[in-house]
């Protein structure tokens, strides 16, 4: 096997491993999001602030102050989740992209 063929095979193996790890992390993020949604559903039964935010988000995009309030309520609802799940949810809550952050928060609180 020539050196260039070996390097090509090695690069393919490394790339496949990176893709596999990315898929694994994406699935773990979706599982964490599902667990957070379940925690929020339980909390919505007793928390009037969360219920109001859910109703408000159904009517359109939340304001900046409502987003901050929703993020706080979400963070407070994560106490029953594993440390890994909390870390993944917090990454979604604190994205560099404001529109991504807003979409993530609204997806979590819609219809809990």
N, C-alpha and C. Protein backbone atom coordinates (compact mmCIF):
# COMPACT_ATOMS: atom_id res chain seq x y z
N UNK A 1 0.86 -1.17 0.00
CA UNK A 1 0.00 0.00 0.00
C UNK A 1 0.90 1.23 0.00
N UNK A 2 0.61 2.14 -0.89
CA UNK A 2 1.41 3.36 -0.98
C UNK A 2 1.07 4.29 0.18
N UNK A 3 1.94 5.21 0.40
CA UNK A 3 1.75 6.18 1.48
C UNK A 3 0.50 7.01 1.26
N UNK A 4 0.24 7.44 0.03
CA UNK A 4 -0.94 8.26 -0.24
C UNK A 4 -2.22 7.46 -0.02
N UNK A 5 -2.21 6.18 -0.37
CA UNK A 5 -3.40 5.34 -0.14
C UNK A 5 -3.62 5.16 1.36
N UNK A 6 -2.54 4.93 2.09
CA UNK A 6 -2.64 4.77 3.54
C UNK A 6 -3.19 6.05 4.19
N UNK A 7 -2.68 7.19 3.78
CA UNK A 7 -3.16 8.46 4.34
C UNK A 7 -4.63 8.69 3.99
N UNK A 8 -5.03 8.30 2.80
CA UNK A 8 -6.43 8.45 2.40
C UNK A 8 -7.34 7.58 3.28
N UNK A 9 -6.93 6.34 3.52
CA UNK A 9 -7.71 5.43 4.38
C UNK A 9 -7.73 5.97 5.81
N UNK A 10 -6.61 6.42 6.30
CA UNK A 10 -6.54 6.96 7.66
C UNK A 10 -7.44 8.19 7.81
N UNK A 11 -7.44 9.06 6.83
CA UNK A 11 -8.29 10.26 6.87
C UNK A 11 -9.76 9.88 6.87
N UNK A 12 -10.12 8.87 6.09
CA UNK A 12 -11.51 8.40 6.04
C UNK A 12 -11.94 7.83 7.38
N UNK A 13 -11.09 7.06 8.01
CA UNK A 13 -11.40 6.47 9.32
C UNK A 13 -11.58 7.57 10.37
N UNK A 14 -10.72 8.55 10.37
CA UNK A 14 -10.81 9.67 11.32
C UNK A 14 -12.09 10.46 11.08
N UNK A 15 -12.41 10.73 9.83
CA UNK A 15 -13.63 11.48 9.50
C UNK A 15 -14.87 10.71 9.92
N UNK A 16 -14.89 9.41 9.69
CA UNK A 16 -16.04 8.59 10.09
C UNK A 16 -16.20 8.61 11.61
N UNK A 17 -15.11 8.56 12.34
CA UNK A 17 -15.18 8.64 13.81
C UNK A 17 -15.73 9.97 14.28
N UNK A 18 -15.32 11.04 13.63
CA UNK A 18 -15.81 12.37 14.00
C UNK A 18 -17.30 12.50 13.73
N UNK A 19 -17.76 11.98 12.61
CA UNK A 19 -19.18 12.02 12.27
C UNK A 19 -19.97 11.20 13.28
N UNK A 20 -19.47 10.02 13.61
CA UNK A 20 -20.14 9.16 14.59
C UNK A 20 -20.27 9.84 15.93
N UNK A 21 -19.22 10.53 16.36
CA UNK A 21 -19.27 11.24 17.64
C UNK A 21 -20.26 12.40 17.58
N UNK A 22 -20.32 13.09 16.46
CA UNK A 22 -21.28 14.19 16.30
C UNK A 22 -22.71 13.71 16.36
N UNK A 23 -22.97 12.58 15.72
CA UNK A 23 -24.32 11.99 15.76
C UNK A 23 -24.67 11.59 17.18
N UNK A 24 -23.73 10.97 17.88
CA UNK A 24 -23.96 10.55 19.26
C UNK A 24 -24.32 11.75 20.14
N UNK A 25 -23.57 12.83 20.01
CA UNK A 25 -23.84 14.03 20.81
C UNK A 25 -25.18 14.66 20.45
N UNK A 26 -25.54 14.63 19.18
CA UNK A 26 -26.83 15.18 18.76
C UNK A 26 -27.98 14.38 19.37
N UNK A 27 -27.84 13.07 19.38
CA UNK A 27 -28.87 12.21 19.99
C UNK A 27 -28.95 12.47 21.48
N UNK A 28 -27.81 12.59 22.14
CA UNK A 28 -27.80 12.86 23.59
C UNK A 28 -28.46 14.21 23.87
N UNK A 29 -28.25 15.19 22.99
CA UNK A 29 -28.89 16.49 23.16
C UNK A 29 -30.40 16.41 23.02
N UNK A 30 -30.87 15.61 22.08
CA UNK A 30 -32.32 15.44 21.90
C UNK A 30 -32.94 14.71 23.08
N UNK A 31 -32.23 13.73 23.62
CA UNK A 31 -32.73 13.02 24.81
C UNK A 31 -32.80 13.98 26.00
N UNK A 32 -31.79 14.80 26.17
CA UNK A 32 -31.79 15.78 27.26
C UNK A 32 -32.94 16.77 27.09
N UNK A 33 -33.18 17.20 25.87
CA UNK A 33 -34.25 18.14 25.60
C UNK A 33 -35.61 17.51 25.91
N UNK A 34 -35.78 16.23 25.59
CA UNK A 34 -37.02 15.52 25.90
C UNK A 34 -37.22 15.43 27.40
N UNK A 35 -36.17 15.14 28.12
CA UNK A 35 -36.26 15.06 29.59
C UNK A 35 -36.57 16.42 30.20
N UNK A 36 -35.97 17.47 29.67
CA UNK A 36 -36.25 18.82 30.17
C UNK A 36 -37.70 19.19 29.88
N UNK A 37 -38.19 18.82 28.73
CA UNK A 37 -39.58 19.11 28.37
C UNK A 37 -40.52 18.40 29.35
N UNK A 38 -40.20 17.16 29.71
CA UNK A 38 -41.02 16.42 30.68
C UNK A 38 -40.99 17.11 32.05
N UNK A 39 -39.82 17.59 32.47
CA UNK A 39 -39.71 18.30 33.74
C UNK A 39 -40.53 19.59 33.72
N UNK A 40 -40.51 20.29 32.59
CA UNK A 40 -41.29 21.51 32.47
C UNK A 40 -42.79 21.21 32.46
N UNK A 41 -43.19 20.10 31.87
CA UNK A 41 -44.59 19.71 31.87
C UNK A 41 -45.09 19.51 33.29
N UNK A 42 -44.28 18.86 34.11
CA UNK A 42 -44.65 18.65 35.51
C UNK A 42 -44.76 19.97 36.25
N UNK A 43 -43.83 20.85 35.99
CA UNK A 43 -43.81 22.13 36.68
C UNK A 43 -44.96 23.04 36.25
N UNK A 44 -45.36 22.93 34.98
CA UNK A 44 -46.42 23.80 34.47
C UNK A 44 -47.74 23.60 35.21
N UNK A 45 -47.93 22.43 35.80
CA UNK A 45 -49.17 22.16 36.54
C UNK A 45 -49.28 23.01 37.79
N UNK A 46 -48.15 23.45 38.34
CA UNK A 46 -48.18 24.19 39.60
C UNK A 46 -47.57 25.59 39.52
N UNK A 47 -46.96 25.94 38.40
CA UNK A 47 -46.26 27.22 38.29
C UNK A 47 -47.02 28.17 37.37
N UNK A 48 -47.68 29.19 37.94
CA UNK A 48 -48.45 30.11 37.10
C UNK A 48 -47.57 30.94 36.15
N UNK A 49 -46.33 31.22 36.54
CA UNK A 49 -45.43 31.98 35.67
C UNK A 49 -45.12 31.17 34.40
N UNK A 50 -44.81 29.90 34.58
CA UNK A 50 -44.52 29.05 33.44
C UNK A 50 -45.76 28.89 32.56
N UNK A 51 -46.92 28.71 33.17
CA UNK A 51 -48.15 28.59 32.38
C UNK A 51 -48.37 29.85 31.54
N UNK A 52 -48.14 31.01 32.13
CA UNK A 52 -48.31 32.27 31.40
C UNK A 52 -47.32 32.37 30.24
N UNK A 53 -46.08 31.95 30.46
CA UNK A 53 -45.09 31.97 29.39
C UNK A 53 -45.46 31.00 28.26
N UNK A 54 -46.01 29.85 28.62
CA UNK A 54 -46.45 28.88 27.61
C UNK A 54 -47.57 29.49 26.76
N UNK A 55 -48.55 30.09 27.44
CA UNK A 55 -49.65 30.72 26.71
C UNK A 55 -49.15 31.86 25.83
N UNK A 56 -48.25 32.66 26.37
CA UNK A 56 -47.71 33.80 25.64
C UNK A 56 -46.92 33.35 24.42
N UNK A 57 -46.13 32.26 24.55
CA UNK A 57 -45.33 31.79 23.41
C UNK A 57 -46.20 31.22 22.30
N UNK A 58 -47.38 30.74 22.66
CA UNK A 58 -48.30 30.22 21.63
C UNK A 58 -48.82 31.35 20.75
N UNK A 59 -48.80 32.58 21.26
CA UNK A 59 -49.31 33.72 20.52
C UNK A 59 -48.29 34.42 19.66
N UNK A 60 -47.04 33.99 19.71
CA UNK A 60 -46.00 34.63 18.91
C UNK A 60 -44.69 34.65 19.66
N UNK A 61 -43.67 35.24 19.06
CA UNK A 61 -42.35 35.27 19.69
C UNK A 61 -42.37 35.99 21.04
N UNK A 62 -41.56 35.49 21.95
CA UNK A 62 -41.44 36.11 23.27
C UNK A 62 -40.54 37.34 23.19
N UNK A 63 -40.81 38.31 24.07
CA UNK A 63 -39.93 39.49 24.17
C UNK A 63 -38.63 39.07 24.84
N UNK A 64 -37.66 39.97 24.81
CA UNK A 64 -36.36 39.68 25.44
C UNK A 64 -36.51 39.40 26.93
N UNK A 65 -37.33 40.17 27.63
CA UNK A 65 -37.50 39.94 29.08
C UNK A 65 -38.23 38.62 29.33
N UNK A 66 -39.19 38.29 28.47
CA UNK A 66 -39.89 37.00 28.61
C UNK A 66 -38.93 35.83 28.35
N UNK A 67 -38.02 36.00 27.39
CA UNK A 67 -37.03 34.96 27.12
C UNK A 67 -36.13 34.74 28.33
N UNK A 68 -35.68 35.85 28.94
CA UNK A 68 -34.82 35.72 30.14
C UNK A 68 -35.59 35.03 31.26
N UNK A 69 -36.85 35.39 31.44
CA UNK A 69 -37.67 34.78 32.47
C UNK A 69 -37.87 33.29 32.18
N UNK A 70 -38.12 32.95 30.93
CA UNK A 70 -38.30 31.55 30.54
C UNK A 70 -37.02 30.75 30.76
N UNK A 71 -35.87 31.34 30.41
CA UNK A 71 -34.59 30.66 30.62
C UNK A 71 -34.36 30.38 32.10
N UNK A 72 -34.71 31.34 32.94
CA UNK A 72 -34.56 31.16 34.38
C UNK A 72 -35.47 30.04 34.90
N UNK A 73 -36.71 30.03 34.45
CA UNK A 73 -37.65 28.98 34.86
C UNK A 73 -37.15 27.61 34.39
N UNK A 74 -36.64 27.56 33.16
CA UNK A 74 -36.11 26.29 32.64
C UNK A 74 -34.94 25.83 33.49
N UNK A 75 -34.00 26.72 33.77
CA UNK A 75 -32.84 26.34 34.58
C UNK A 75 -33.26 25.85 35.96
N UNK A 76 -34.27 26.46 36.55
CA UNK A 76 -34.76 26.04 37.86
C UNK A 76 -35.44 24.67 37.79
N UNK A 77 -35.92 24.30 36.63
CA UNK A 77 -36.63 23.03 36.46
C UNK A 77 -35.71 21.85 36.18
N UNK A 78 -34.43 22.10 36.02
CA UNK A 78 -33.48 21.05 35.64
C UNK A 78 -32.90 20.27 36.80
N UNK A 79 -33.33 20.57 38.01
CA UNK A 79 -32.70 19.96 39.19
C UNK A 79 -32.79 18.44 39.20
N UNK A 80 -33.82 17.86 38.61
CA UNK A 80 -33.97 16.41 38.62
C UNK A 80 -33.22 15.70 37.50
N UNK A 81 -32.59 16.45 36.62
CA UNK A 81 -31.88 15.85 35.48
C UNK A 81 -30.43 15.55 35.84
N UNK A 82 -29.82 14.68 35.06
CA UNK A 82 -28.41 14.36 35.28
C UNK A 82 -27.55 15.57 34.95
N UNK A 83 -26.33 15.54 35.43
CA UNK A 83 -25.41 16.65 35.17
C UNK A 83 -25.16 16.82 33.67
N UNK A 84 -25.04 15.71 32.94
CA UNK A 84 -24.83 15.78 31.50
C UNK A 84 -26.02 16.40 30.78
N UNK A 85 -27.24 16.01 31.19
CA UNK A 85 -28.44 16.59 30.59
C UNK A 85 -28.52 18.08 30.89
N UNK A 86 -28.23 18.48 32.13
CA UNK A 86 -28.26 19.90 32.49
C UNK A 86 -27.26 20.68 31.65
N UNK A 87 -26.08 20.12 31.47
CA UNK A 87 -25.05 20.81 30.68
C UNK A 87 -25.51 21.01 29.24
N UNK A 88 -26.12 19.99 28.66
CA UNK A 88 -26.59 20.09 27.28
C UNK A 88 -27.71 21.13 27.15
N UNK A 89 -28.64 21.15 28.11
CA UNK A 89 -29.73 22.12 28.07
C UNK A 89 -29.17 23.53 28.25
N UNK A 90 -28.25 23.70 29.17
CA UNK A 90 -27.65 25.02 29.39
C UNK A 90 -26.91 25.52 28.16
N UNK A 91 -26.30 24.60 27.41
CA UNK A 91 -25.66 25.01 26.15
C UNK A 91 -26.69 25.55 25.17
N UNK A 92 -27.85 24.91 25.14
CA UNK A 92 -28.93 25.40 24.26
C UNK A 92 -29.49 26.73 24.71
N UNK A 93 -29.52 26.94 26.04
CA UNK A 93 -30.05 28.19 26.59
C UNK A 93 -29.09 29.36 26.40
N UNK A 94 -27.82 29.09 26.24
CA UNK A 94 -26.81 30.15 26.16
C UNK A 94 -25.99 30.02 24.87
N UNK A 95 -26.68 30.03 23.76
CA UNK A 95 -26.03 29.95 22.46
C UNK A 95 -25.49 31.31 22.05
N UNK A 96 -24.46 31.33 21.20
CA UNK A 96 -23.96 32.61 20.70
C UNK A 96 -24.98 33.30 19.78
N UNK A 97 -25.83 32.52 19.15
CA UNK A 97 -26.83 33.07 18.24
C UNK A 97 -28.11 33.36 19.02
N UNK A 98 -28.52 34.62 19.05
CA UNK A 98 -29.75 35.00 19.77
C UNK A 98 -30.98 34.33 19.19
N UNK A 99 -31.03 34.22 17.86
CA UNK A 99 -32.20 33.58 17.25
C UNK A 99 -32.24 32.09 17.58
N UNK A 100 -31.08 31.45 17.62
CA UNK A 100 -31.02 30.03 18.00
C UNK A 100 -31.43 29.84 19.45
N UNK A 101 -30.97 30.74 20.30
CA UNK A 101 -31.32 30.70 21.72
C UNK A 101 -32.83 30.87 21.90
N UNK A 102 -33.41 31.83 21.19
CA UNK A 102 -34.84 32.09 21.28
C UNK A 102 -35.64 30.88 20.81
N UNK A 103 -35.24 30.31 19.70
CA UNK A 103 -35.93 29.13 19.15
C UNK A 103 -35.85 27.96 20.15
N UNK A 104 -34.69 27.76 20.74
CA UNK A 104 -34.49 26.67 21.69
C UNK A 104 -35.40 26.84 22.91
N UNK A 105 -35.44 28.03 23.46
CA UNK A 105 -36.28 28.31 24.64
C UNK A 105 -37.75 28.12 24.30
N UNK A 106 -38.17 28.65 23.19
CA UNK A 106 -39.59 28.55 22.80
C UNK A 106 -39.99 27.10 22.53
N UNK A 107 -39.10 26.32 21.93
CA UNK A 107 -39.39 24.91 21.71
C UNK A 107 -39.54 24.16 23.03
N UNK A 108 -38.73 24.50 24.00
CA UNK A 108 -38.81 23.83 25.30
C UNK A 108 -40.10 24.14 26.05
N UNK A 109 -40.57 25.37 25.97
CA UNK A 109 -41.74 25.72 26.78
C UNK A 109 -43.07 25.57 26.05
N UNK A 110 -43.04 25.37 24.75
CA UNK A 110 -44.31 25.24 24.04
C UNK A 110 -45.00 23.93 24.40
N UNK A 111 -46.24 24.05 24.81
CA UNK A 111 -47.09 22.91 25.15
C UNK A 111 -46.46 21.89 26.08
N UNK A 112 -45.93 22.34 27.23
CA UNK A 112 -45.37 21.32 28.13
C UNK A 112 -46.45 20.48 28.76
